[in-house]
Amino acid sequence: MLDFLNGPVRSAMDNHATCGVGVPSNGIFGGDDGQSLLLFLLAIATLLALSIHEFGHAWMADKLGDPGPRKAGRVTLAPWAHLDPLGTLLIVATTLIGFPIGWGKPVKTDPETYKVDRKLGVALVALAGPVMNLFAAFVLAVPGRFLLGVLQGDAYPPSWEFALAITFLINIMVMVVSLSLFVFNLLPIYPLDGSHVLANLLPNDIAVVYVRIMKRYGIYLFLGLLMSGVLNDIVGPVVIGLFRFLLGV
């Protein structure tokens, strides 16, 4: 579920507009067509960030000794390997109206094949998705800072302006969505990755109670926080703080 991303992405766009980058002021992204383009880029960025996330799960399971993800073709960054048809369609449709909601194809893995303790392995695989998103954001910060400097300097041929602006925007959008998935999925609420991490790190007796509560009430807690806007209030400031730190704005 990704509808909370709208706030962080809009804030990122505001940062871009107030960092001395003159691109928006020339009309390239102005008007209804410009807004549609931004939303289309956001849909692409969301699909890419989800692919990075699912790749993280598959990569860790593969490293721990499970041959399943590699046989299923999931140990790859290729987006088409990780996209769920319905989840992808929903992402595209809802992003174009400003509220991205969707999911990627879950990575099927067998904890019994792990080279490490079963509970530790499950926790590591669950954690790997969000951490891979964080790693991607750090990597993308390098070209992001470079492109920001180029656009601020205005020392480029006018014919390059559109291409530079599009490249910069898709770069920072993938950063923001990746950071959002990192923070969001670490929340210890079922069915998010954070709940699986915590359940497998807690002592067994406490974990049993936690899992029972989460499986019974977690989805209602999740939907309540999502629909009330509290989830965005929790995730948004952290995401924007990380984004501004990485991009240096």
Protein backbone atom coordinates (compact mmCIF):
# COMPACT_ATOMS: atom_id res chain seq x y z
CA MET A 1 0.00 0.00 0.00
CA LEU A 2 1.69 3.17 -1.22
CA ASP A 3 -0.80 6.04 -1.05
CA PHE A 4 1.20 7.77 1.72
CA LEU A 5 3.97 8.45 -0.82
CA ASN A 6 2.12 11.40 -2.32
CA GLY A 7 3.11 13.70 0.56
CA PRO A 8 6.85 12.92 0.54
CA VAL A 9 7.06 13.14 -3.24
CA ARG A 10 5.27 16.50 -3.30
CA SER A 11 7.67 17.75 -0.63
CA ALA A 12 10.59 16.53 -2.72
CA MET A 13 9.19 18.45 -5.67
CA ASP A 14 8.94 21.54 -3.46
CA ASN A 15 12.57 21.09 -2.45
CA HIS A 16 13.51 20.84 -6.13
CA ALA A 17 11.57 24.00 -6.92
CA THR A 18 13.19 25.99 -4.12
CA CYS A 19 16.79 24.84 -4.56
CA GLY A 20 17.56 27.32 -7.29
CA VAL A 21 16.72 24.95 -10.13
CA GLY A 22 15.00 27.03 -12.76
CA VAL A 23 13.38 24.26 -14.77
CA PRO A 24 9.79 24.50 -13.45
CA SER A 25 9.59 28.23 -14.11
CA ASN A 26 9.98 27.90 -17.87
CA GLY A 27 6.71 26.05 -18.34
CA ILE A 28 8.09 22.60 -19.11
CA PHE A 29 6.28 21.13 -16.11
CA GLY A 30 3.55 23.73 -15.87
CA GLY A 31 -0.16 23.18 -16.46
CA ASP A 32 -2.17 19.98 -16.69
CA ASP A 33 0.26 18.32 -19.11
CA GLY A 34 3.15 18.99 -16.74
CA GLN A 35 1.24 17.55 -13.79
CA SER A 36 0.37 14.44 -15.81
CA LEU A 37 4.03 14.01 -16.72
CA LEU A 38 5.09 14.26 -13.07
CA LEU A 39 2.51 11.67 -12.05
CA PHE A 40 3.60 9.37 -14.88
CA LEU A 41 7.21 9.65 -13.72
CA LEU A 42 6.07 8.91 -10.17
CA ALA A 43 4.37 5.72 -11.39
CA ILE A 44 7.60 4.63 -13.10
CA ALA A 45 9.64 5.50 -10.01
CA THR A 46 7.27 3.51 -7.80
CA LEU A 47 7.56 0.43 -10.01
CA LEU A 48 11.37 0.71 -10.01
CA ALA A 49 11.58 1.14 -6.23
CA LEU A 50 9.27 -1.85 -5.67
CA SER A 51 11.49 -3.94 -7.95
CA ILE A 52 14.55 -2.93 -5.92
CA HIS A 53 12.69 -3.89 -2.74
CA GLU A 54 11.69 -7.36 -3.95
CA PHE A 55 15.17 -7.93 -5.38
CA GLY A 56 16.54 -7.32 -1.87
CA HIS A 57 14.38 -10.11 -0.43
CA ALA A 58 15.36 -12.50 -3.25
CA TRP A 59 19.07 -11.65 -3.04
CA MET A 60 19.25 -12.30 0.70
CA ALA A 61 17.33 -15.58 0.46
CA ASP A 62 19.70 -16.66 -2.32
CA LYS A 63 22.76 -15.76 -0.23
CA LEU A 64 21.35 -17.74 2.70
CA GLY A 65 21.15 -20.87 0.55
CA ASP A 66 17.58 -20.98 -0.79
CA PRO A 67 17.75 -21.92 -4.51
CA GLY A 68 14.08 -21.04 -5.06
CA PRO A 69 14.33 -17.29 -5.82
CA ARG A 70 17.12 -17.81 -8.37
CA LYS A 71 15.23 -20.63 -10.09
CA ALA A 72 12.19 -18.36 -10.23
CA GLY A 73 14.25 -15.61 -11.86
CA ARG A 74 13.84 -13.21 -8.93
CA VAL A 75 17.52 -12.49 -8.21
CA THR A 76 17.54 -9.64 -10.71
CA LEU A 77 16.85 -5.92 -10.82
CA ALA A 78 14.75 -6.34 -13.97
CA PRO A 79 11.36 -4.81 -13.04
CA TRP A 80 9.28 -7.32 -15.01
CA ALA A 81 10.54 -10.14 -12.73
CA HIS A 82 9.01 -8.51 -9.66
CA LEU A 83 5.81 -6.87 -10.85
CA ASP A 84 2.48 -8.35 -9.85
CA PRO A 85 -0.03 -7.78 -12.70
CA LEU A 86 -2.86 -6.49 -10.51
CA GLY A 87 -0.53 -4.58 -8.18
CA THR A 88 1.21 -2.94 -11.14
CA LEU A 89 -2.06 -1.97 -12.82
CA LEU A 90 -3.27 -0.48 -9.55
CA ILE A 91 -0.04 1.49 -9.08
CA VAL A 92 -0.30 3.03 -12.55
CA ALA A 93 -4.01 3.81 -12.23
CA THR A 94 -3.86 5.29 -8.73
CA THR A 95 -0.63 7.22 -9.28
CA LEU A 96 -2.16 9.01 -12.24
CA ILE A 97 -4.85 10.37 -9.91
CA GLY A 98 -2.25 11.29 -7.30
CA PHE A 99 -2.47 8.42 -4.79
CA PRO A 100 -0.13 5.50 -5.60
CA ILE A 101 -1.41 2.22 -4.16
CA GLY A 102 -0.08 -1.19 -5.13
CA TRP A 103 2.36 -4.00 -4.48
CA GLY A 104 5.06 -6.15 -6.05
CA LYS A 105 5.12 -9.92 -6.48
CA PRO A 106 6.09 -11.51 -3.13
CA VAL A 107 9.31 -13.53 -3.11
CA LYS A 108 8.62 -17.17 -2.27
CA THR A 109 11.35 -18.59 -0.06
CA ASP A 110 11.89 -21.72 2.05
CA PRO A 111 13.42 -20.97 5.48
CA GLU A 112 14.31 -24.66 5.89
CA THR A 113 17.03 -24.25 3.25
CA TYR A 114 18.81 -21.39 5.02
CA LYS A 115 22.40 -21.86 6.16
CA VAL A 116 21.70 -19.96 9.37
CA ASP A 117 19.19 -20.32 12.20
CA ARG A 118 15.67 -20.34 10.76
CA LYS A 119 14.39 -17.35 12.74
CA LEU A 120 17.50 -15.30 12.00
CA GLY A 121 17.21 -16.15 8.32
CA VAL A 122 13.57 -15.08 8.11
CA ALA A 123 14.43 -11.81 9.86
CA LEU A 124 17.35 -11.14 7.50
CA VAL A 125 15.27 -11.83 4.39
CA ALA A 126 12.49 -9.56 5.64
CA LEU A 127 14.98 -6.81 6.50
CA ALA A 128 16.82 -7.06 3.18
CA GLY A 129 14.00 -5.47 1.16
CA PRO A 130 13.89 -2.16 3.07
CA VAL A 131 17.68 -2.06 3.42
CA MET A 132 18.09 -2.51 -0.34
CA ASN A 133 15.81 0.50 -0.83
CA LEU A 134 17.99 2.55 1.54
CA PHE A 135 21.13 1.44 -0.30
CA ALA A 136 19.55 2.44 -3.63
CA ALA A 137 18.73 5.89 -2.25
CA PHE A 138 22.36 6.38 -1.17
CA VAL A 139 23.60 5.31 -4.62
CA LEU A 140 21.13 7.58 -6.43
CA ALA A 141 22.15 10.52 -4.26
CA VAL A 142 25.44 10.71 -6.20
CA PRO A 143 23.93 11.43 -9.65
CA GLY A 144 21.17 13.39 -7.89
CA ARG A 145 23.65 15.85 -6.39
CA PHE A 146 25.51 16.09 -9.68
CA LEU A 147 22.38 16.81 -11.71
CA LEU A 148 21.17 19.32 -9.12
CA GLY A 149 24.48 21.17 -9.42
CA VAL A 150 24.27 21.19 -13.21
CA LEU A 151 20.70 22.52 -13.22
CA GLN A 152 21.49 25.16 -10.61
CA GLY A 153 24.56 26.30 -12.54
CA ASP A 154 22.61 26.87 -15.75
CA ALA A 155 25.81 26.07 -17.69
CA TYR A 156 24.30 23.72 -20.25
CA PRO A 157 22.85 24.06 -23.76
CA PRO A 158 19.13 25.00 -23.72
CA SER A 159 18.39 21.89 -25.79
CA TRP A 160 19.55 19.73 -22.87
CA GLU A 161 17.17 21.30 -20.37
CA PHE A 162 14.25 18.92 -20.78
CA ALA A 163 16.39 15.76 -20.73
CA LEU A 164 18.32 16.97 -17.67
CA ALA A 165 15.13 17.88 -15.84
CA ILE A 166 13.45 14.54 -16.60
CA THR A 167 16.57 12.61 -15.54
CA PHE A 168 16.83 14.60 -12.32
CA LEU A 169 13.15 14.18 -11.48
CA ILE A 170 13.04 10.42 -12.05
CA ASN A 171 16.26 10.11 -10.02
CA ILE A 172 14.90 11.96 -6.99
CA MET A 173 11.50 10.29 -7.29
CA VAL A 174 13.09 6.83 -7.10
CA MET A 175 15.09 8.14 -4.12
CA VAL A 176 11.97 9.36 -2.32
CA VAL A 177 9.91 6.24 -3.04
CA SER A 178 12.82 4.02 -1.98
CA LEU A 179 13.26 5.95 1.26
CA SER A 180 9.51 5.73 1.82
CA LEU A 181 9.55 1.96 1.35
CA PHE A 182 12.52 1.73 3.72
CA VAL A 183 10.86 3.65 6.55
CA PHE A 184 7.34 2.36 5.90
CA ASN A 185 8.25 -1.32 5.78
CA LEU A 186 10.24 -1.18 9.01
CA LEU A 187 7.09 -0.36 10.98
CA PRO A 188 6.33 -3.43 13.16
CA ILE A 189 2.74 -3.74 11.92
CA TYR A 190 1.49 -6.83 10.09
CA PRO A 191 1.83 -7.46 7.15
CA LEU A 192 4.83 -5.13 6.77
CA ASP A 193 8.41 -6.44 6.77
CA GLY A 194 9.06 -4.90 10.18
CA SER A 195 6.53 -7.23 11.78
CA HIS A 196 8.36 -10.28 10.39
CA VAL A 197 11.72 -8.93 11.55
CA LEU A 198 10.48 -8.26 15.07
CA ALA A 199 8.56 -11.55 15.35
CA ASN A 200 11.73 -13.50 14.59
CA LEU A 201 13.97 -11.52 16.94
CA LEU A 202 11.70 -11.63 20.00
CA PRO A 203 11.93 -14.47 22.55
CA ASN A 204 9.64 -17.32 21.52
CA ASP A 205 7.00 -16.82 24.20
CA ILE A 206 6.68 -13.09 23.47
CA ALA A 207 6.84 -13.68 19.71
CA VAL A 208 3.88 -16.08 19.85
CA VAL A 209 1.70 -13.46 21.54
CA TYR A 210 2.91 -10.70 19.20
CA VAL A 211 2.22 -12.76 16.07
CA ARG A 212 -1.22 -13.76 17.33
CA ILE A 213 -2.15 -10.12 17.99
CA MET A 214 -0.70 -8.89 14.70
CA LYS A 215 -2.42 -11.54 12.58
CA ARG A 216 -5.74 -10.78 14.24
CA TYR A 217 -5.62 -6.99 14.52
CA GLY A 218 -2.56 -5.86 12.52
CA ILE A 219 -4.34 -5.26 9.24
CA TYR A 220 -6.99 -3.15 10.98
CA LEU A 221 -4.31 -1.12 12.76
CA PHE A 222 -2.50 -0.69 9.46
CA LEU A 223 -5.60 0.45 7.57
CA GLY A 224 -6.63 2.75 10.42
CA LEU A 225 -3.25 4.50 10.45
CA LEU A 226 -3.25 4.68 6.66
CA MET A 227 -6.75 6.11 6.24
CA SER A 228 -6.43 8.55 9.14
CA GLY A 229 -3.27 10.10 7.74
CA VAL A 230 -1.28 9.20 10.86
CA LEU A 231 0.92 6.87 8.82
CA ASN A 232 1.93 9.71 6.53
CA ASP A 233 2.60 11.90 9.57
CA ILE A 234 4.96 9.22 10.90
CA VAL A 235 6.72 8.27 7.67
CA GLY A 236 6.71 11.60 5.79
CA PRO A 237 9.00 13.70 8.05
CA VAL A 238 11.56 10.89 8.32
CA VAL A 239 11.59 10.37 4.56
CA ILE A 240 11.97 14.07 3.80
CA GLY A 241 14.70 14.41 6.41
CA LEU A 242 16.67 11.55 4.87
CA PHE A 243 16.05 12.89 1.37
CA ARG A 244 17.29 16.38 2.23
CA PHE A 245 20.35 14.92 3.96
CA LEU A 246 21.27 12.71 1.00
CA LEU A 247 20.68 15.40 -1.62
CA GLY A 248 22.25 18.14 0.50
CA VAL A 249 19.33 20.56 0.25
